[in-house]
Amino acid sequence: PPQGVYELRQAIADHLYHFRGMRILPEQIVIGAGNEYLQLLLAQMLGKEHCVAMESPTYLRAYKTFRNIGFPVQEVALDESGMRVDLLRETDASIAYVMPSHHLESSCR
């Protein structure tokens, strides 16, 4: 399937619910080969009229890719749980890009 194997997407949705409290449907998940490829795919699927919220500090490579594609990017501070949702609501972002595994990366500033 173009979005990835359904069973894998279901397992990811279950994991996100149990460990992050996120209610995600498998239909909302896209599996792909590589971060930059998926960012380009996202741009094609959604168009470039969206603003992307990214964690600060963020994954610098993803930040640069989004900027090079043409997305405006707004940084959102982290707390011990990840991106601060209260601050996310204060941005113009319609996309939130999060990567919990990178939190030790350097800031995109």
Protein backbone atom coordinates (compact mmCIF):
# COMPACT_ATOMS: atom_id res chain seq x y z
CA PRO A 1 0.00 0.00 0.00
CA PRO A 2 1.25 3.53 -0.76
CA GLN A 3 1.04 4.57 2.92
CA GLY A 4 2.81 1.42 4.16
CA VAL A 5 1.60 -1.92 5.50
CA TYR A 6 -1.65 -1.43 7.42
CA GLU A 7 -0.64 -3.70 10.30
CA LEU A 8 2.53 -1.67 10.89
CA ARG A 9 0.57 1.59 10.82
CA GLN A 10 -1.92 0.08 13.31
CA ALA A 11 0.94 -0.97 15.60
CA ILE A 12 2.39 2.55 15.45
CA ALA A 13 -1.03 4.08 16.20
CA ASP A 14 -1.42 1.73 19.19
CA HIS A 15 2.07 2.60 20.43
CA LEU A 16 1.41 6.34 20.14
CA TYR A 17 -1.81 5.96 22.10
CA HIS A 18 -0.34 3.84 24.90
CA PHE A 19 2.98 5.67 25.30
CA ARG A 20 2.17 9.24 24.19
CA GLY A 21 -1.60 9.50 24.74
CA MET A 22 -2.12 10.37 21.05
CA ARG A 23 -5.27 9.20 19.27
CA ILE A 24 -4.05 8.51 15.74
CA LEU A 25 -5.74 6.42 13.07
CA PRO A 26 -3.63 4.11 10.89
CA GLU A 27 -4.98 6.09 7.91
CA GLN A 28 -3.17 9.17 9.26
CA ILE A 29 0.23 7.44 9.22
CA VAL A 30 2.55 7.27 6.20
CA ILE A 31 5.53 4.91 6.23
CA GLY A 32 8.40 5.70 3.87
CA ALA A 33 12.07 5.25 3.17
CA GLY A 34 13.91 8.15 4.72
CA ASN A 35 13.09 11.38 6.47
CA GLU A 36 13.78 13.80 3.62
CA TYR A 37 11.77 11.68 1.18
CA LEU A 38 8.81 11.74 3.54
CA GLN A 39 9.10 15.52 3.96
CA LEU A 40 9.03 15.97 0.16
CA LEU A 41 6.07 13.61 -0.03
CA LEU A 42 4.29 15.61 2.67
CA ALA A 43 4.82 18.81 0.69
CA GLN A 44 3.33 17.17 -2.41
CA MET A 45 0.35 15.81 -0.47
CA LEU A 46 -0.50 18.95 1.47
CA GLY A 47 0.86 21.79 -0.63
CA LYS A 48 3.15 24.52 0.66
CA GLU A 49 0.45 26.80 2.08
CA HIS A 50 1.05 25.40 5.56
CA CYS A 51 3.28 26.58 8.37
CA VAL A 52 5.27 23.86 10.15
CA ALA A 53 5.82 23.91 13.90
CA MET A 54 9.04 22.22 14.96
CA GLU A 55 10.51 21.51 18.36
CA SER A 56 13.22 23.82 19.63
CA PRO A 57 15.86 22.58 19.79
CA THR A 58 15.03 20.73 16.60
CA TYR A 59 16.46 18.19 14.21
CA LEU A 60 18.53 20.57 12.07
CA ARG A 61 18.41 18.48 8.90
CA ALA A 62 14.58 18.33 8.93
CA TYR A 63 14.40 22.06 9.66
CA LYS A 64 16.59 22.86 6.66
CA THR A 65 14.65 20.49 4.39
CA PHE A 66 11.32 22.10 5.28
CA ARG A 67 12.78 25.57 4.75
CA ASN A 68 14.33 24.55 1.39
CA ILE A 69 10.98 23.13 0.24
CA GLY A 70 9.42 26.51 1.00
CA PHE A 71 7.52 25.89 4.23
CA PRO A 72 7.56 28.64 6.85
CA VAL A 73 8.79 27.08 10.09
CA GLN A 74 8.00 28.20 13.64
CA GLU A 75 9.93 26.82 16.59
CA VAL A 76 8.09 25.64 19.69
CA ALA A 77 9.80 25.06 23.03
CA LEU A 78 10.03 21.63 24.65
CA ASP A 79 9.30 20.45 28.15
CA GLU A 80 9.98 17.04 29.70
CA SER A 81 7.16 15.49 27.61
CA GLY A 82 8.18 16.98 24.25
CA MET A 83 6.66 19.85 22.27
CA ARG A 84 4.70 22.25 24.47
CA VAL A 85 1.17 21.97 23.10
CA ASP A 86 0.10 25.15 24.91
CA LEU A 87 2.68 27.09 22.87
CA LEU A 88 1.79 25.21 19.68
CA ARG A 89 -1.68 26.71 19.83
CA GLU A 90 -0.11 30.19 19.72
CA THR A 91 1.56 29.60 16.33
CA ASP A 92 0.22 29.83 12.78
CA ALA A 93 1.19 26.19 12.22
CA SER A 94 -1.17 23.68 10.68
CA ILE A 95 1.51 20.94 10.79
CA ALA A 96 3.45 19.87 13.88
CA TYR A 97 6.65 17.97 13.09
CA VAL A 98 7.98 16.08 16.10
CA MET A 99 10.83 13.62 16.50
CA PRO A 100 11.09 12.50 20.13
CA SER A 101 14.32 10.60 19.47
CA HIS A 102 16.29 13.75 18.56
CA HIS A 103 15.81 15.84 21.71
CA LEU A 104 19.55 15.96 22.34
CA GLU A 105 20.26 17.47 18.89
CA SER A 106 21.40 21.06 18.66
CA SER A 107 18.98 23.91 18.09
CA CYS A 108 18.23 25.12 14.58
CA ARG A 109 19.30 28.66 15.46
